[in-house]
Amino acid sequence: MGFRFQRRIRIGGGARLNLSKSGIGVSLGRSGLRLGLNAKRRKYFSVGLPGTGLSYRTFFGRPVDPNALRKVCYALFAVLVLGMLLVLAVRKD
């Protein structure tokens, strides 16, 4: 049995950044029920019993293409910047 490392950072709104030996992943959902993308870009669905440590995870689909993932990240960044500009514009008035 090998050593494992994982750390979860809450981003907000049920989103988490998952850090592990393999890299960085992301997941969305609530305690006991999550959808995610692991560090190897594989999509998964996880169901668990909160507080017990018992869970079941199943992977589905093909790994996400890195170019498609990059485009999505750029789009999310652009939406975030535009949203911040909009908030600043509304506050000025």
PDB file of N, CA and C in Angstrom:
ATOM      1  N   MET A   1       0.849  -1.171   0.000  1.00  0.00           N
ATOM      2  CA  MET A   1       0.000   0.000   0.000  1.00  0.00           C
ATOM      3  C   MET A   1       0.897   1.237   0.000  1.00  0.00           C
ATOM      4  N   GLY A   2       0.629   2.164  -0.898  1.00  0.00           N
ATOM      5  CA  GLY A   2       1.434   3.375  -1.014  1.00  0.00           C
ATOM      6  C   GLY A   2       0.860   4.527  -0.215  1.00  0.00           C
ATOM      7  N   PHE A   3       1.664   5.556  -0.045  1.00  0.00           N
ATOM      8  CA  PHE A   3       1.210   6.753   0.641  1.00  0.00           C
ATOM      9  C   PHE A   3       0.296   7.560  -0.270  1.00  0.00           C
ATOM     10  N   ARG A   4      -0.680   8.220   0.333  1.00  0.00           N
ATOM     11  CA  ARG A   4      -1.594   9.089  -0.403  1.00  0.00           C
ATOM     12  C   ARG A   4      -1.517  10.483   0.187  1.00  0.00           C
ATOM     13  N   PHE A   5      -1.735  11.481  -0.660  1.00  0.00           N
ATOM     14  CA  PHE A   5      -1.829  12.862  -0.205  1.00  0.00           C
ATOM     15  C   PHE A   5      -3.022  13.484  -0.891  1.00  0.00           C
ATOM     16  N   GLN A   6      -3.871  14.142  -0.128  1.00  0.00           N
ATOM     17  CA  GLN A   6      -4.957  14.910  -0.718  1.00  0.00           C
ATOM     18  C   GLN A   6      -5.379  16.011   0.238  1.00  0.00           C
ATOM     19  N   ARG A   7      -5.733  17.125  -0.348  1.00  0.00           N
ATOM     20  CA  ARG A   7      -6.176  18.287   0.404  1.00  0.00           C
ATOM     21  C   ARG A   7      -7.300  18.948  -0.376  1.00  0.00           C
ATOM     22  N   ARG A   8      -8.380  19.294   0.307  1.00  0.00           N
ATOM     23  CA  ARG A   8      -9.515  19.946  -0.344  1.00  0.00           C
ATOM     24  C   ARG A   8      -9.628  21.380   0.152  1.00  0.00           C
ATOM     25  N   ILE A   9      -9.786  22.305  -0.796  1.00  0.00           N
ATOM     26  CA  ILE A   9      -9.942  23.711  -0.464  1.00  0.00           C
ATOM     27  C   ILE A   9     -11.308  24.159  -0.959  1.00  0.00           C
ATOM     28  N   ARG A  10     -12.144  24.632  -0.053  1.00  0.00           N
ATOM     29  CA  ARG A  10     -13.478  25.103  -0.436  1.00  0.00           C
ATOM     30  C   ARG A  10     -13.362  26.431  -1.164  1.00  0.00           C
ATOM     31  N   ILE A  11     -13.962  26.494  -2.345  1.00  0.00           N
ATOM     32  CA  ILE A  11     -13.956  27.722  -3.136  1.00  0.00           C
ATOM     33  C   ILE A  11     -15.214  28.520  -2.846  1.00  0.00           C
ATOM     34  N   GLY A  12     -16.312  27.837  -2.613  1.00  0.00           N
ATOM     35  CA  GLY A  12     -17.592  28.488  -2.321  1.00  0.00           C
ATOM     36  C   GLY A  12     -18.680  27.935  -3.214  1.00  0.00           C
ATOM     37  N   GLY A  13     -19.894  27.970  -2.737  1.00  0.00           N
ATOM     38  CA  GLY A  13     -21.028  27.498  -3.513  1.00  0.00           C
ATOM     39  C   GLY A  13     -20.982  26.002  -3.807  1.00  0.00           C
ATOM     40  N   GLY A  14     -20.377  25.226  -2.918  1.00  0.00           N
ATOM     41  CA  GLY A  14     -20.287  23.785  -3.121  1.00  0.00           C
ATOM     42  C   GLY A  14     -19.122  23.360  -3.991  1.00  0.00           C
ATOM     43  N   ALA A  15     -18.292  24.305  -4.425  1.00  0.00           N
ATOM     44  CA  ALA A  15     -17.141  23.981  -5.272  1.00  0.00           C
ATOM     45  C   ALA A  15     -15.902  23.762  -4.405  1.00  0.00           C
ATOM     46  N   ARG A  16     -15.084  22.798  -4.806  1.00  0.00           N
ATOM     47  CA  ARG A  16     -13.841  22.507  -4.094  1.00  0.00           C
ATOM     48  C   ARG A  16     -12.699  22.338  -5.080  1.00  0.00           C
ATOM     49  N   LEU A  17     -11.538  22.757  -4.659  1.00  0.00           N
ATOM     50  CA  LEU A  17     -10.302  22.530  -5.382  1.00  0.00           C
ATOM     51  C   LEU A  17      -9.630  21.365  -4.663  1.00  0.00           C
ATOM     52  N   ASN A  18      -9.330  20.294  -5.369  1.00  0.00           N
ATOM     53  CA  ASN A  18      -8.771  19.095  -4.768  1.00  0.00           C
ATOM     54  C   ASN A  18      -7.308  18.954  -5.162  1.00  0.00           C
ATOM     55  N   LEU A  19      -6.418  18.979  -4.187  1.00  0.00           N
ATOM     56  CA  LEU A  19      -4.992  18.851  -4.424  1.00  0.00           C
ATOM     57  C   LEU A  19      -4.544  17.449  -4.026  1.00  0.00           C
ATOM     58  N   SER A  20      -3.755  16.805  -4.878  1.00  0.00           N
ATOM     59  CA  SER A  20      -3.258  15.472  -4.582  1.00  0.00           C
ATOM     60  C   SER A  20      -1.870  15.297  -5.190  1.00  0.00           C
ATOM     61  N   LYS A  21      -1.284  14.117  -4.979  1.00  0.00           N
ATOM     62  CA  LYS A  21       0.011  13.820  -5.585  1.00  0.00           C
ATOM     63  C   LYS A  21      -0.054  13.921  -7.095  1.00  0.00           C
ATOM     64  N   SER A  22      -1.200  13.566  -7.674  1.00  0.00           N
ATOM     65  CA  SER A  22      -1.364  13.549  -9.136  1.00  0.00           C
ATOM     66  C   SER A  22      -1.519  14.933  -9.738  1.00  0.00           C
ATOM     67  N   GLY A  23      -1.975  15.911  -8.946  1.00  0.00           N
ATOM     68  CA  GLY A  23      -2.197  17.253  -9.473  1.00  0.00           C
ATOM     69  C   GLY A  23      -3.413  17.898  -8.846  1.00  0.00           C
ATOM     70  N   ILE A  24      -4.075  18.752  -9.624  1.00  0.00           N
ATOM     71  CA  ILE A  24      -5.216  19.530  -9.131  1.00  0.00           C
ATOM     72  C   ILE A  24      -6.493  19.090  -9.842  1.00  0.00           C
ATOM     73  N   GLY A  25      -7.537  18.878  -9.072  1.00  0.00           N
ATOM     74  CA  GLY A  25      -8.848  18.547  -9.610  1.00  0.00           C
ATOM     75  C   GLY A  25      -9.873  19.510  -9.050  1.00  0.00           C
ATOM     76  N   VAL A  26     -11.108  19.361  -9.494  1.00  0.00           N
ATOM     77  CA  VAL A  26     -12.185  20.229  -9.019  1.00  0.00           C
ATOM     78  C   VAL A  26     -13.448  19.394  -8.870  1.00  0.00           C
ATOM     79  N   SER A  27     -14.292  19.748  -7.892  1.00  0.00           N
ATOM     80  CA  SER A  27     -15.553  19.042  -7.720  1.00  0.00           C
ATOM     81  C   SER A  27     -16.641  20.018  -7.296  1.00  0.00           C
ATOM     82  N   LEU A  28     -17.880  19.668  -7.615  1.00  0.00           N
ATOM     83  CA  LEU A  28     -19.055  20.476  -7.292  1.00  0.00           C
ATOM     84  C   LEU A  28     -20.087  19.587  -6.634  1.00  0.00           C
ATOM     85  N   GLY A  29     -20.812  20.132  -5.696  1.00  0.00           N
ATOM     86  CA  GLY A  29     -21.883  19.377  -5.071  1.00  0.00           C
ATOM     87  C   GLY A  29     -21.962  19.671  -3.591  1.00  0.00           C
ATOM     88  N   ARG A  30     -22.629  18.797  -2.892  1.00  0.00           N
ATOM     89  CA  ARG A  30     -22.791  18.968  -1.463  1.00  0.00           C
ATOM     90  C   ARG A  30     -22.260  17.739  -0.758  1.00  0.00           C
ATOM     91  N   SER A  31     -22.265  17.769   0.531  1.00  0.00           N
ATOM     92  CA  SER A  31     -21.748  16.660   1.314  1.00  0.00           C
ATOM     93  C   SER A  31     -22.515  15.386   0.973  1.00  0.00           C
ATOM     94  N   GLY A  32     -21.796  14.374   0.551  1.00  0.00           N
ATOM     95  CA  GLY A  32     -22.413  13.096   0.234  1.00  0.00           C
ATOM     96  C   GLY A  32     -22.772  12.909  -1.222  1.00  0.00           C
ATOM     97  N   LEU A  33     -22.717  13.958  -2.041  1.00  0.00           N
ATOM     98  CA  LEU A  33     -23.118  13.858  -3.438  1.00  0.00           C
ATOM     99  C   LEU A  33     -22.317  14.871  -4.259  1.00  0.00           C
ATOM    100  N   ARG A  34     -21.381  14.385  -5.077  1.00  0.00           N
ATOM    101  CA  ARG A  34     -20.491  15.288  -5.808  1.00  0.00           C
ATOM    102  C   ARG A  34     -20.238  14.824  -7.233  1.00  0.00           C
ATOM    103  N   LEU A  35     -20.037  15.796  -8.121  1.00  0.00           N
ATOM    104  CA  LEU A  35     -19.553  15.570  -9.481  1.00  0.00           C
ATOM    105  C   LEU A  35     -18.186  16.217  -9.550  1.00  0.00           C
ATOM    106  N   GLY A  36     -17.261  15.587 -10.261  1.00  0.00           N
ATOM    107  CA  GLY A  36     -15.934  16.179 -10.276  1.00  0.00           C
ATOM    108  C   GLY A  36     -15.107  15.816 -11.481  1.00  0.00           C
ATOM    109  N   LEU A  37     -13.955  16.441 -11.525  1.00  0.00           N
ATOM    110  CA  LEU A  37     -12.945  16.219 -12.552  1.00  0.00           C
ATOM    111  C   LEU A  37     -11.648  16.036 -11.780  1.00  0.00           C
ATOM    112  N   ASN A  38     -11.052  14.823 -11.856  1.00  0.00           N
ATOM    113  CA  ASN A  38      -9.855  14.592 -11.058  1.00  0.00           C
ATOM    114  C   ASN A  38      -8.620  15.150 -11.751  1.00  0.00           C
ATOM    115  N   ALA A  39      -7.458  14.959 -11.150  1.00  0.00           N
ATOM    116  CA  ALA A  39      -6.214  15.529 -11.666  1.00  0.00           C
ATOM    117  C   ALA A  39      -5.830  14.956 -13.031  1.00  0.00           C
ATOM    118  N   LYS A  40      -6.336  13.772 -13.345  1.00  0.00           N
ATOM    119  CA  LYS A  40      -6.053  13.165 -14.653  1.00  0.00           C
ATOM    120  C   LYS A  40      -7.147  13.481 -15.666  1.00  0.00           C
ATOM    121  N   ARG A  41      -7.992  14.479 -15.350  1.00  0.00           N
ATOM    122  CA  ARG A  41      -9.067  14.984 -16.211  1.00  0.00           C
ATOM    123  C   ARG A  41     -10.160  13.945 -16.467  1.00  0.00           C
ATOM    124  N   ARG A  42     -10.334  12.994 -15.547  1.00  0.00           N
ATOM    125  CA  ARG A  42     -11.414  12.021 -15.668  1.00  0.00           C
ATOM    126  C   ARG A  42     -12.614  12.499 -14.861  1.00  0.00           C
ATOM    127  N   LYS A  43     -13.816  12.421 -15.476  1.00  0.00           N
ATOM    128  CA  LYS A  43     -15.045  12.864 -14.815  1.00  0.00           C
ATOM    129  C   LYS A  43     -15.534  11.757 -13.886  1.00  0.00           C
ATOM    130  N   TYR A  44     -16.061  12.151 -12.717  1.00  0.00           N
ATOM    131  CA  TYR A  44     -16.563  11.158 -11.776  1.00  0.00           C
ATOM    132  C   TYR A  44     -17.806  11.647 -11.046  1.00  0.00           C
ATOM    133  N   PHE A  45     -18.517  10.667 -10.489  1.00  0.00           N
ATOM    134  CA  PHE A  45     -19.690  10.914  -9.656  1.00  0.00           C
ATOM    135  C   PHE A  45     -19.435  10.182  -8.347  1.00  0.00           C
ATOM    136  N   SER A  46     -19.646  10.850  -7.222  1.00  0.00           N
ATOM    137  CA  SER A  46     -19.347  10.265  -5.921  1.00  0.00           C
ATOM    138  C   SER A  46     -20.550  10.390  -4.996  1.00  0.00           C
ATOM    139  N   VAL A  47     -20.837   9.296  -4.292  1.00  0.00           N
ATOM    140  CA  VAL A  47     -21.912   9.261  -3.301  1.00  0.00           C
ATOM    141  C   VAL A  47     -21.301   8.744  -2.010  1.00  0.00           C
ATOM    142  N   GLY A  48     -21.617   9.387  -0.883  1.00  0.00           N
ATOM    143  CA  GLY A  48     -21.061   8.953   0.386  1.00  0.00           C
ATOM    144  C   GLY A  48     -21.985   9.208   1.545  1.00  0.00           C
ATOM    145  N   LEU A  49     -21.650   8.606   2.671  1.00  0.00           N
ATOM    146  CA  LEU A  49     -22.375   8.848   3.914  1.00  0.00           C
ATOM    147  C   LEU A  49     -21.533   9.799   4.757  1.00  0.00           C
ATOM    148  N   PRO A  50     -21.935  11.071   4.850  1.00  0.00           N
ATOM    149  CA  PRO A  50     -21.140  12.070   5.565  1.00  0.00           C
ATOM    150  C   PRO A  50     -20.820  11.651   7.005  1.00  0.00           C
ATOM    151  N   GLY A  51     -19.579  11.869   7.392  1.00  0.00           N
ATOM    152  CA  GLY A  51     -19.143  11.573   8.745  1.00  0.00           C
ATOM    153  C   GLY A  51     -18.697  10.149   8.986  1.00  0.00           C
ATOM    154  N   THR A  52     -18.890   9.253   7.996  1.00  0.00           N
ATOM    155  CA  THR A  52     -18.522   7.853   8.190  1.00  0.00           C
ATOM    156  C   THR A  52     -17.236   7.474   7.460  1.00  0.00           C
ATOM    157  N   GLY A  53     -16.887   8.231   6.435  1.00  0.00           N
ATOM    158  CA  GLY A  53     -15.723   7.873   5.626  1.00  0.00           C
ATOM    159  C   GLY A  53     -16.060   6.874   4.529  1.00  0.00           C
ATOM    160  N   LEU A  54     -17.322   6.435   4.456  1.00  0.00           N
ATOM    161  CA  LEU A  54     -17.746   5.485   3.426  1.00  0.00           C
ATOM    162  C   LEU A  54     -18.231   6.243   2.203  1.00  0.00           C
ATOM    163  N   SER A  55     -17.730   5.853   1.041  1.00  0.00           N
ATOM    164  CA  SER A  55     -18.182   6.496  -0.193  1.00  0.00           C
ATOM    165  C   SER A  55     -17.978   5.559  -1.371  1.00  0.00           C
ATOM    166  N   TYR A  56     -18.641   5.887  -2.466  1.00  0.00           N
ATOM    167  CA  TYR A  56     -18.514   5.139  -3.708  1.00  0.00           C
ATOM    168  C   TYR A  56     -18.294   6.141  -4.825  1.00  0.00           C
ATOM    169  N   ARG A  57     -17.297   5.881  -5.669  1.00  0.00           N
ATOM    170  CA  ARG A  57     -16.999   6.790  -6.780  1.00  0.00           C
ATOM    171  C   ARG A  57     -16.982   5.989  -8.066  1.00  0.00           C
ATOM    172  N   THR A  58     -17.620   6.539  -9.094  1.00  0.00           N
ATOM    173  CA  THR A  58     -17.604   5.902 -10.401  1.00  0.00           C
ATOM    174  C   THR A  58     -17.187   6.930 -11.448  1.00  0.00           C
ATOM    175  N   PHE A  59     -16.367   6.478 -12.378  1.00  0.00           N
ATOM    176  CA  PHE A  59     -15.884   7.354 -13.445  1.00  0.00           C
ATOM    177  C   PHE A  59     -16.730   7.130 -14.687  1.00  0.00           C
ATOM    178  N   PHE A  60     -16.870   8.165 -15.517  1.00  0.00           N
ATOM    179  CA  PHE A  60     -17.645   8.025 -16.743  1.00  0.00           C
ATOM    180  C   PHE A  60     -17.039   8.874 -17.845  1.00  0.00           C
ATOM    181  N   GLY A  61     -17.344   8.513 -19.069  1.00  0.00           N
ATOM    182  CA  GLY A  61     -16.885   9.270 -20.230  1.00  0.00           C
ATOM    183  C   GLY A  61     -15.385   9.174 -20.446  1.00  0.00           C
ATOM    184  N   ARG A  62     -14.936   9.863 -21.471  1.00  0.00           N
ATOM    185  CA  ARG A  62     -13.506   9.934 -21.774  1.00  0.00           C
ATOM    186  C   ARG A  62     -12.887  11.087 -21.005  1.00  0.00           C
ATOM    187  N   PRO A  63     -11.569  11.055 -20.789  1.00  0.00           N
ATOM    188  CA  PRO A  63     -10.916  12.199 -20.155  1.00  0.00           C
ATOM    189  C   PRO A  63     -11.140  13.466 -20.981  1.00  0.00           C
ATOM    190  N   VAL A  64     -11.220  14.592 -20.309  1.00  0.00           N
ATOM    191  CA  VAL A  64     -11.453  15.873 -20.967  1.00  0.00           C
ATOM    192  C   VAL A  64     -10.194  16.301 -21.709  1.00  0.00           C
ATOM    193  N   ASP A  65     -10.356  16.752 -22.943  1.00  0.00           N
ATOM    194  CA  ASP A  65      -9.243  17.224 -23.763  1.00  0.00           C
ATOM    195  C   ASP A  65      -8.625  18.475 -23.133  1.00  0.00           C
ATOM    196  N   PRO A  66      -7.298  18.519 -22.994  1.00  0.00           N
ATOM    197  CA  PRO A  66      -6.663  19.692 -22.373  1.00  0.00           C
ATOM    198  C   PRO A  66      -6.982  21.008 -23.083  1.00  0.00           C
ATOM    199  N   ASN A  67      -7.102  20.997 -24.401  1.00  0.00           N
ATOM    200  CA  ASN A  67      -7.426  22.234 -25.126  1.00  0.00           C
ATOM    201  C   ASN A  67      -8.834  22.718 -24.806  1.00  0.00           C
ATOM    202  N   ALA A  68      -9.774  21.790 -24.697  1.00  0.00           N
ATOM    203  CA  ALA A  68     -11.145  22.153 -24.340  1.00  0.00           C
ATOM    204  C   ALA A  68     -11.181  22.699 -22.916  1.00  0.00           C
ATOM    205  N   LEU A  69     -10.434  22.086 -22.016  1.00  0.00           N
ATOM    206  CA  LEU A  69     -10.374  22.539 -20.635  1.00  0.00           C
ATOM    207  C   LEU A  69      -9.768  23.946 -20.563  1.00  0.00           C
ATOM    208  N   ARG A  70      -8.755  24.213 -21.352  1.00  0.00           N
ATOM    209  CA  ARG A  70      -8.122  25.535 -21.388  1.00  0.00           C
ATOM    210  C   ARG A  70      -9.122  26.585 -21.865  1.00  0.00           C
ATOM    211  N   LYS A  71      -9.908  26.254 -22.905  1.00  0.00           N
ATOM    212  CA  LYS A  71     -10.903  27.193 -23.416  1.00  0.00           C
ATOM    213  C   LYS A  71     -11.954  27.507 -22.357  1.00  0.00           C
ATOM    214  N   VAL A  72     -12.391  26.498 -21.630  1.00  0.00           N
ATOM    215  CA  VAL A  72     -13.383  26.710 -20.571  1.00  0.00           C
ATOM    216  C   VAL A  72     -12.807  27.610 -19.476  1.00  0.00           C
ATOM    217  N   CYS A  73     -11.548  27.387 -19.109  1.00  0.00           N
ATOM    218  CA  CYS A  73     -10.914  28.223 -18.078  1.00  0.00           C
ATOM    219  C   CYS A  73     -10.804  29.671 -18.541  1.00  0.00           C
ATOM    220  N   TYR A  74     -10.430  29.893 -19.798  1.00  0.00           N
ATOM    221  CA  TYR A  74     -10.360  31.250 -20.328  1.00  0.00           C
ATOM    222  C   TYR A  74     -11.737  31.908 -20.314  1.00  0.00           C
ATOM    223  N   ALA A  75     -12.760  31.169 -20.684  1.00  0.00           N
ATOM    224  CA  ALA A  75     -14.119  31.711 -20.702  1.00  0.00           C
ATOM    225  C   ALA A  75     -14.575  32.067 -19.283  1.00  0.00           C
ATOM    226  N   LEU A  76     -14.307  31.197 -18.307  1.00  0.00           N
ATOM    227  CA  LEU A  76     -14.685  31.488 -16.927  1.00  0.00           C
ATOM    228  C   LEU A  76     -13.946  32.714 -16.405  1.00  0.00           C
ATOM    229  N   PHE A  77     -12.672  32.841 -16.760  1.00  0.00           N
ATOM    230  CA  PHE A  77     -11.895  34.004 -16.346  1.00  0.00           C
ATOM    231  C   PHE A  77     -12.479  35.284 -16.952  1.00  0.00           C
ATOM    232  N   ALA A  78     -12.846  35.225 -18.236  1.00  0.00           N
ATOM    233  CA  ALA A  78     -13.424  36.394 -18.905  1.00  0.00           C
ATOM    234  C   ALA A  78     -14.749  36.785 -18.248  1.00  0.00           C
ATOM    235  N   VAL A  79     -15.579  35.807 -17.918  1.00  0.00           N
ATOM    236  CA  VAL A  79     -16.858  36.089 -17.258  1.00  0.00           C
ATOM    237  C   VAL A  79     -16.610  36.710 -15.883  1.00  0.00           C
ATOM    238  N   LEU A  80     -15.635  36.208 -15.153  1.00  0.00           N
ATOM    239  CA  LEU A  80     -15.299  36.754 -13.844  1.00  0.00           C
ATOM    240  C   LEU A  80     -14.844  38.207 -13.950  1.00  0.00           C
ATOM    241  N   VAL A  81     -13.962  38.496 -14.907  1.00  0.00           N
ATOM    242  CA  VAL A  81     -13.477  39.865 -15.094  1.00  0.00           C
ATOM    243  C   VAL A  81     -14.617  40.791 -15.498  1.00  0.00           C
ATOM    244  N   LEU A  82     -15.458  40.369 -16.438  1.00  0.00           N
ATOM    245  CA  LEU A  82     -16.590  41.203 -16.852  1.00  0.00           C
ATOM    246  C   LEU A  82     -17.555  41.445 -15.694  1.00  0.00           C
ATOM    247  N   GLY A  83     -17.772  40.425 -14.881  1.00  0.00           N
ATOM    248  CA  GLY A  83     -18.643  40.578 -13.717  1.00  0.00           C
ATOM    249  C   GLY A  83     -18.090  41.583 -12.724  1.00  0.00           C
ATOM    250  N   MET A  84     -16.776  41.527 -12.512  1.00  0.00           N
ATOM    251  CA  MET A  84     -16.150  42.492 -11.600  1.00  0.00           C
ATOM    252  C   MET A  84     -16.240  43.902 -12.146  1.00  0.00           C
ATOM    253  N   LEU A  85     -16.030  44.059 -13.456  1.00  0.00           N
ATOM    254  CA  LEU A  85     -16.147  45.382 -14.077  1.00  0.00           C
ATOM    255  C   LEU A  85     -17.565  45.918 -13.964  1.00  0.00           C
ATOM    256  N   LEU A  86     -18.542  45.043 -14.136  1.00  0.00           N
ATOM    257  CA  LEU A  86     -19.934  45.440 -14.023  1.00  0.00           C
ATOM    258  C   LEU A  86     -20.255  45.897 -12.597  1.00  0.00           C
ATOM    259  N   VAL A  87     -19.768  45.167 -11.625  1.00  0.00           N
ATOM    260  CA  VAL A  87     -19.994  45.541 -10.219  1.00  0.00           C
ATOM    261  C   VAL A  87     -19.363  46.900  -9.936  1.00  0.00           C
ATOM    262  N   LEU A  88     -18.145  47.109 -10.429  1.00  0.00           N
ATOM    263  CA  LEU A  88     -17.479  48.394 -10.224  1.00  0.00           C
ATOM    264  C   LEU A  88     -18.233  49.541 -10.897  1.00  0.00           C
ATOM    265  N   ALA A  89     -18.762  49.289 -12.098  1.00  0.00           N
ATOM    266  CA  ALA A  89     -19.514  50.310 -12.829  1.00  0.00           C
ATOM    267  C   ALA A  89     -20.800  50.671 -12.096  1.00  0.00           C
ATOM    268  N   VAL A  90     -21.472  49.673 -11.537  1.00  0.00           N
ATOM    269  CA  VAL A  90     -22.728  49.913 -10.812  1.00  0.00           C
ATOM    270  C   VAL A  90     -22.440  50.662  -9.515  1.00  0.00           C
ATOM    271  N   ARG A  91     -21.356  50.340  -8.847  1.00  0.00           N
ATOM    272  CA  ARG A  91     -21.000  51.019  -7.597  1.00  0.00           C
ATOM    273  C   ARG A  91     -20.647  52.480  -7.801  1.00  0.00           C
ATOM    274  N   LYS A  92     -20.066  52.812  -8.967  1.00  0.00           N
ATOM    275  CA  LYS A  92     -19.679  54.182  -9.261  1.00  0.00           C
ATOM    276  C   LYS A  92     -20.885  55.112  -9.318  1.00  0.00           C
ATOM    277  N   ASP A  93     -21.988  54.600  -9.848  1.00  0.00           N
ATOM    278  CA  ASP A  93     -23.200  55.425 -10.020  1.00  0.00           C
ATOM    279  C   ASP A  93     -23.918  55.645  -8.766  1.00  0.00           C
TER     280      ASP A  93
END
